[in-house]
Amino acid sequence: LRARGRLWNGTFLEEFLDVENLELIVRAEVSVTSPRGNVVIKDGVAQVSVSLHLDPGVAVAAVPWWVLPLAALLGLLLLALLVLGLWKVGFFRRAPLPA
């Protein structure tokens, strides 16, 4: 039985920015239920220790708080200009009803 996993670098850099070394202990347990009882697993528990050495020089670039409201305002302005332009060219006028 083989288990694989991935460690996301950004998660450790965000959560443990002030830590240089981190030990991660992974524990897994396997159990099998058989209707006949002919499958027996002895010591179905495994534990693995993974040592992480974080590089403090690599930092996650945080977005400044003012960028989000500015982007929202610019998006609304762009939407308003698009609607105004479509209204000026007659995009929202109704087609004349047939006689």
Protein backbone atom coordinates (compact mmCIF):
# COMPACT_ATOMS: atom_id res chain seq x y z
CA LEU A 1 0.00 0.00 0.00
CA ARG A 2 1.43 3.35 -1.03
CA ALA A 3 0.18 6.79 -0.09
CA ARG A 4 1.33 10.00 -1.72
CA GLY A 5 0.86 13.57 -0.64
CA ARG A 6 1.90 17.08 -1.54
CA LEU A 7 2.90 19.97 0.61
CA TRP A 8 1.80 23.37 -0.66
CA ASN A 9 4.68 25.79 -0.22
CA GLY A 10 2.45 28.87 0.03
CA THR A 11 0.52 27.44 2.97
CA PHE A 12 3.62 27.00 5.06
CA LEU A 13 4.98 30.40 4.11
CA GLU A 14 1.73 32.13 5.09
CA GLU A 15 1.01 30.24 8.31
CA PHE A 16 4.53 29.72 9.63
CA LEU A 17 6.39 32.79 8.38
CA ASP A 18 8.37 33.26 11.59
CA VAL A 19 9.39 29.57 11.85
CA GLU A 20 12.52 28.24 10.16
CA ASN A 21 12.19 24.51 10.92
CA LEU A 22 8.97 22.54 11.17
CA GLU A 23 8.36 18.86 11.79
CA LEU A 24 5.20 17.42 10.31
CA ILE A 25 4.02 14.06 11.63
CA VAL A 26 1.67 12.09 9.39
CA ARG A 27 -0.21 9.15 10.86
CA ALA A 28 -2.24 6.62 8.86
CA GLU A 29 -4.29 3.64 9.93
CA VAL A 30 -5.53 0.83 7.69
CA SER A 31 -8.37 -1.48 8.60
CA VAL A 32 -10.05 -4.15 6.47
CA THR A 33 -13.39 -5.73 7.15
CA SER A 34 -13.91 -9.11 5.55
CA PRO A 35 -17.16 -11.09 5.82
CA ARG A 36 -15.24 -14.36 6.21
CA GLY A 37 -12.58 -12.99 8.51
CA ASN A 38 -9.73 -14.44 6.47
CA VAL A 39 -7.93 -11.10 6.03
CA VAL A 40 -5.91 -10.03 9.04
CA ILE A 41 -3.68 -6.97 9.12
CA LYS A 42 -1.07 -6.86 11.84
CA ASP A 43 0.11 -3.45 12.91
CA GLY A 44 -2.04 -1.46 10.48
CA VAL A 45 -0.76 1.85 11.80
CA ALA A 46 2.06 3.85 10.20
CA GLN A 47 3.62 7.11 11.24
CA VAL A 48 6.02 9.21 9.17
CA SER A 49 7.89 12.31 10.23
CA VAL A 50 8.70 14.97 7.65
CA SER A 51 11.16 17.77 8.46
CA LEU A 52 10.58 21.08 6.71
CA HIS A 53 13.26 23.72 6.49
CA LEU A 54 11.65 26.99 5.46
CA ASP A 55 13.60 29.69 3.69
CA PRO A 56 12.85 33.04 5.36
CA GLY A 57 14.10 34.86 2.25
CA VAL A 58 11.13 33.62 0.27
CA ALA A 59 8.11 35.63 1.32
CA VAL A 60 4.54 35.66 0.12
CA ALA A 61 3.72 38.98 -1.48
CA ALA A 62 0.63 40.31 0.27
CA VAL A 63 -1.79 42.50 -1.65
CA PRO A 64 -2.12 45.96 -0.08
CA TRP A 65 -5.61 46.72 1.30
CA TRP A 66 -6.21 49.65 -1.03
CA VAL A 67 -5.78 47.57 -4.20
CA LEU A 68 -9.07 45.66 -3.73
CA PRO A 69 -11.39 48.70 -3.35
CA LEU A 70 -9.56 50.48 -6.19
CA ALA A 71 -10.00 47.46 -8.47
CA ALA A 72 -13.70 47.24 -7.58
CA LEU A 73 -14.23 50.96 -8.33
CA LEU A 74 -12.35 50.75 -11.62
CA GLY A 75 -14.40 47.69 -12.58
CA LEU A 76 -17.67 49.53 -11.85
CA LEU A 77 -16.44 52.57 -13.80
CA LEU A 78 -15.56 50.37 -16.78
CA LEU A 79 -19.00 48.72 -16.61
CA ALA A 80 -20.71 52.12 -16.46
CA LEU A 81 -18.75 53.35 -19.49
CA LEU A 82 -19.63 50.20 -21.42
CA VAL A 83 -23.35 50.57 -20.63
CA LEU A 84 -23.25 54.28 -21.52
CA GLY A 85 -21.55 53.54 -24.83
CA LEU A 86 -24.05 50.81 -25.71
CA TRP A 87 -26.93 53.10 -24.76
CA LYS A 88 -25.58 55.90 -26.99
CA VAL A 89 -25.38 53.61 -30.04
CA GLY A 90 -28.95 52.41 -29.46
CA PHE A 91 -28.28 48.91 -28.24
CA PHE A 92 -31.06 49.06 -25.63
CA ARG A 93 -33.80 50.46 -27.93
CA ARG A 94 -36.71 48.20 -28.65
CA ALA A 95 -37.39 47.07 -32.16
CA PRO A 96 -40.52 48.61 -33.69
CA LEU A 97 -43.57 46.38 -33.47
CA PRO A 98 -44.86 45.01 -36.81
CA ALA A 99 -48.04 46.69 -38.03
